[in-house]
Protein backbone atom coordinates (compact mmCIF):
# COMPACT_ATOMS: atom_id res chain seq x y z
CA MET A 1 -0.09 -0.13 0.24
CA ASP A 2 1.40 3.68 -0.90
CA GLN A 3 1.85 5.79 1.91
CA LYS A 4 -0.67 8.53 2.16
CA GLY A 5 1.40 10.86 4.43
CA LYS A 6 3.50 10.86 7.73
CA ILE A 7 1.73 11.04 11.05
CA LEU A 8 3.50 11.86 14.48
CA ILE A 9 1.56 10.82 17.25
CA ALA A 10 2.43 12.20 20.75
CA ASP A 11 0.70 10.94 23.95
CA ASP A 12 2.12 9.16 27.34
CA GLU A 13 -0.36 6.48 27.30
CA PRO A 14 0.89 3.56 25.12
CA ASP A 15 -2.38 1.70 25.02
CA ILE A 16 -3.72 4.87 23.26
CA VAL A 17 -0.58 5.39 21.31
CA GLU A 18 -1.12 1.70 20.01
CA ILE A 19 -4.74 1.96 18.90
CA ILE A 20 -4.19 5.38 17.18
CA SER A 21 -1.10 3.76 15.53
CA TYR A 22 -2.41 0.73 14.46
CA ASN A 23 -5.65 2.16 12.75
CA LEU A 24 -3.81 5.01 10.74
CA LYS A 25 -1.57 2.21 9.33
CA LEU A 26 -3.97 0.56 8.14
CA GLU A 27 -5.30 3.56 6.13
CA GLY A 28 -1.56 3.59 4.66
CA TYR A 29 -0.17 6.24 6.71
CA GLU A 30 3.48 6.26 7.78
CA ILE A 31 3.50 6.37 11.86
CA PHE A 32 5.89 7.83 13.89
CA THR A 33 5.43 8.21 18.00
CA ALA A 34 6.73 10.45 20.56
CA ARG A 35 6.28 10.15 24.37
CA ASP A 36 6.11 13.36 25.70
CA GLY A 37 6.25 17.10 24.53
CA ASP A 38 10.31 17.09 24.43
CA ASP A 39 10.29 14.22 22.47
CA ALA A 40 7.61 15.36 20.19
CA LEU A 41 9.48 18.40 19.25
CA GLN A 42 12.44 16.29 18.57
CA LYS A 43 10.66 13.89 16.56
CA ALA A 44 9.03 16.45 14.37
CA LYS A 45 12.33 18.15 13.58
CA VAL A 46 13.76 14.99 12.61
CA HIS A 47 10.71 13.33 10.58
CA LYS A 48 8.68 16.31 9.23
CA PRO A 49 5.45 15.08 9.61
CA ASP A 50 2.24 16.10 7.57
CA LEU A 51 0.18 15.63 10.60
CA ILE A 52 0.49 15.93 14.03
CA ILE A 53 -1.55 14.27 17.24
CA LEU A 54 -0.66 15.82 20.37
CA ASP A 55 -2.13 14.82 23.71
CA VAL A 56 -2.89 17.92 25.67
CA MET A 57 -1.74 16.58 29.09
CA MET A 58 2.01 15.44 28.36
CA PRO A 59 5.05 15.30 30.52
CA TYR A 60 7.68 18.24 30.37
CA LYS A 61 5.55 20.39 27.61
CA ASN A 62 1.85 19.85 27.33
CA GLY A 63 0.27 19.89 23.55
CA MET A 64 -0.79 23.46 23.65
CA GLU A 65 2.98 24.31 24.60
CA VAL A 66 4.30 22.20 21.82
CA CYS A 67 1.64 23.39 19.21
CA LYS A 68 2.72 27.14 20.05
CA ILE A 69 6.54 26.54 19.68
CA LEU A 70 5.88 24.62 16.29
CA ARG A 71 3.50 27.16 14.79
CA SER A 72 6.28 29.68 15.69
CA GLN A 73 8.79 27.72 13.11
CA PRO A 74 8.09 28.48 9.87
CA GLN A 75 8.68 24.97 8.67
CA PHE A 76 5.29 23.79 10.73
CA ASN A 77 3.27 26.71 9.23
CA GLN A 78 1.11 24.10 7.01
CA THR A 79 1.66 21.08 9.19
CA LEU A 80 -1.57 19.94 10.50
CA ILE A 81 -2.16 19.52 14.29
CA ILE A 82 -4.67 17.75 16.24
CA PHE A 83 -5.26 17.96 19.70
CA LEU A 84 -6.09 14.70 21.91
CA THR A 85 -8.05 15.74 25.01
CA ALA A 86 -10.36 14.68 27.68
CA LEU A 87 -11.07 18.13 28.27
CA SER A 88 -14.43 19.06 26.92
CA ASP A 89 -14.35 22.97 27.80
CA GLU A 90 -14.97 25.66 25.29
CA PHE A 91 -12.11 27.45 26.75
CA SER A 92 -9.91 24.71 26.12
CA HIS A 93 -10.78 24.29 22.83
CA VAL A 94 -10.35 28.18 21.94
CA LYS A 95 -7.02 28.15 23.45
CA GLY A 96 -6.26 25.56 21.33
CA LEU A 97 -7.25 27.15 18.26
CA GLU A 98 -5.42 30.37 19.20
CA PHE A 99 -2.06 28.03 19.30
CA GLY A 100 -2.94 27.09 16.14
CA ALA A 101 -4.54 23.57 16.26
CA ASP A 102 -6.67 22.63 13.08
CA ASP A 103 -8.91 20.10 15.32
CA TYR A 104 -9.59 17.95 18.15
CA LEU A 105 -9.93 14.26 18.92
CA SER A 106 -11.64 13.41 22.28
CA LYS A 107 -10.46 10.67 24.86
CA PRO A 108 -11.54 7.76 24.65
CA VAL A 109 -10.69 7.74 21.15
CA SER A 110 -12.92 6.12 18.66
CA PRO A 111 -11.04 4.68 15.62
CA LYS A 112 -13.81 5.48 13.24
CA VAL A 113 -13.83 9.18 14.09
CA LEU A 114 -10.30 9.13 14.05
CA VAL A 115 -9.66 7.66 10.53
CA THR A 116 -12.82 10.31 9.36
CA LYS A 117 -10.88 13.11 10.70
CA VAL A 118 -7.62 12.39 9.55
CA ASN A 119 -8.64 11.22 6.28
CA SER A 120 -10.66 14.60 5.68
CA LEU A 121 -7.93 16.89 7.13
CA PHE A 122 -5.50 15.05 4.31
CA ARG A 123 -7.87 15.60 1.44
CA ARG A 124 -8.03 19.47 2.25
CA ILE A 125 -4.27 19.42 2.10
CA GLN A 126 -4.38 17.95 -1.20
CA LYS A 127 -7.34 20.17 -2.57
CA GLY A 128 -5.89 23.22 -1.02
CA PRO A 129 -7.78 26.34 -2.01
CA ASP A 130 -10.19 26.58 -5.17
CA GLN A 131 -8.02 28.72 -7.34
CA GLU A 132 -4.37 29.28 -8.02
CA LYS A 133 -4.94 32.60 -8.58
CA VAL A 134 -2.43 35.51 -7.10
CA LEU A 135 -4.38 37.94 -5.25
CA GLN A 136 -2.79 41.58 -5.22
CA LEU A 137 -5.23 43.92 -3.51
CA GLY A 138 -3.08 47.16 -2.76
CA GLU A 139 0.18 46.37 -0.76
CA LEU A 140 -1.37 43.02 -0.05
CA ARG A 141 -0.04 40.04 -1.91
CA ILE A 142 -1.78 36.63 -1.34
CA ASP A 143 0.20 33.61 -3.04
CA PRO A 144 -1.88 30.45 -2.96
CA VAL A 145 0.52 28.38 -4.60
CA GLN A 146 3.50 28.92 -2.25
CA PHE A 147 1.25 29.84 0.66
CA VAL A 148 3.04 33.31 1.05
CA VAL A 149 1.39 36.45 2.33
CA ASN A 150 2.96 39.58 1.45
CA TYR A 151 1.98 42.91 2.98
CA ASN A 152 4.01 46.26 2.52
CA GLU A 153 7.13 44.12 1.45
CA GLN A 154 6.91 41.85 4.70
CA ASP A 155 6.38 38.39 4.64
CA ILE A 156 3.40 37.50 6.91
CA SER A 157 3.67 33.73 8.73
CA LEU A 158 0.09 32.36 8.49
CA ALA A 159 -1.17 28.78 9.96
CA LYS A 160 -2.75 26.92 6.98
CA LYS A 161 -6.44 27.59 8.17
CA GLU A 162 -5.63 31.22 8.51
CA PHE A 163 -4.54 31.42 5.25
CA GLU A 164 -7.20 29.50 3.50
CA LEU A 165 -9.73 31.65 5.35
CA LEU A 166 -7.79 35.07 4.33
CA TYR A 167 -7.89 33.72 1.11
CA LEU A 168 -11.42 32.84 0.99
CA LEU A 169 -12.50 36.27 2.01
CA ALA A 170 -10.04 38.37 0.09
CA SER A 171 -10.86 36.41 -3.43
CA LYS A 172 -14.37 38.42 -3.30
CA PRO A 173 -13.88 41.62 -1.62
CA GLY A 174 -16.86 43.44 -0.02
CA ARG A 175 -18.71 40.01 -0.30
CA VAL A 176 -20.24 38.68 2.78
CA PHE A 177 -19.51 35.07 3.56
CA LEU A 178 -22.07 33.67 5.75
CA ARG A 179 -20.66 31.51 8.73
CA ASN A 180 -21.88 28.33 7.68
CA GLU A 181 -20.36 28.78 4.14
CA ILE A 182 -16.99 29.71 5.62
CA LEU A 183 -17.03 26.72 8.07
CA SER A 184 -18.10 24.66 5.03
CA GLN A 185 -15.51 25.62 2.73
CA ILE A 186 -12.40 25.86 5.09
CA TRP A 187 -13.33 23.13 7.61
CA GLY A 188 -15.60 21.07 5.58
CA THR A 189 -18.95 19.25 6.33
CA ASP A 190 -17.31 16.27 8.03
CA VAL A 191 -15.37 18.08 10.56
CA ILE A 192 -17.10 19.35 13.66
CA VAL A 193 -15.78 22.61 15.06
CA GLY A 194 -16.63 25.16 17.74
CA ASP A 195 -18.88 28.37 17.18
CA ARG A 196 -15.67 30.26 18.22
CA THR A 197 -13.36 28.59 15.58
CA ILE A 198 -13.68 31.53 12.97
CA ASP A 199 -13.68 34.25 15.56
CA VAL A 200 -10.27 33.01 16.84
CA HIS A 201 -8.74 32.63 13.32
CA ILE A 202 -10.21 36.24 12.42
CA ARG A 203 -8.52 37.62 15.05
CA LYS A 204 -5.11 36.08 14.63
CA ILE A 205 -5.31 37.00 10.78
CA ARG A 206 -5.83 40.70 11.69
CA GLN A 207 -3.23 40.33 14.64
CA LYS A 208 -0.70 38.95 12.36
CA LEU A 209 -1.20 41.58 9.47
CA GLY A 210 -1.47 44.27 11.85
CA LEU A 211 -4.30 45.40 9.37
CA ASP A 212 -8.09 45.36 10.32
CA CYS A 213 -9.14 44.28 6.69
CA ILE A 214 -11.85 41.75 7.71
CA THR A 215 -15.15 43.29 8.89
CA THR A 216 -17.60 41.35 11.03
CA VAL A 217 -21.03 41.68 9.66
CA LYS A 218 -22.94 40.92 13.36
CA GLY A 219 -25.44 38.02 12.88
CA VAL A 220 -24.68 37.24 9.16
CA GLY A 221 -20.77 36.71 8.87
CA TYR A 222 -17.64 38.18 7.20
CA LYS A 223 -16.15 40.59 4.25
CA PHE A 224 -12.68 41.31 3.27
CA ASP A 225 -12.55 45.35 3.12
CA LEU A 226 -9.04 47.32 2.52
CA SER A 227 -11.03 50.61 2.39
CA GLN A 228 -11.68 50.90 6.24
């Protein structure tokens, strides 16, 4: 079976690592494992995985700390990250999204849900943005082929979902995109994300660009507007 992609699983519970590894190997993925946060960072640098599954509660560095460190390094901007967690409160989920997570898996792990989420995320990698047109909007340049955003001749580092969201909105300036429409196009219909997901990503885009170019249309959605 051809390898679909490389996945790093970081968790200090051997049974969970075994279950996840077994099911993803059956799907054709190449699997690497780590036992704690420091080990996860080291293995990520060595193997350069396409997807990292991080347990939130790990020794030395927890999953959120590992995610934050990885997202600060350009080589991991486009790496998919899923948190594995027993925490179900909204605050934990929002914090995870702020650190750059793409999705969540809840413990105990359901093999069916696991495979569905992973396959869905990999399909979105392969699909990429719907168009490959470079967008030039004033001093803002968005290149969907190289995943590069440049503003005022400065490259801006965005995580994959942040980039896809910015590209979607900027592809049709002035048009209001409904929240459900954004969730469907960026996260897909088979991935469940919280109500705050879009808000978190919009805030991160604004902070990184230093540009208030995305307008919130209350109760409706969002639009891209450079005239503000």
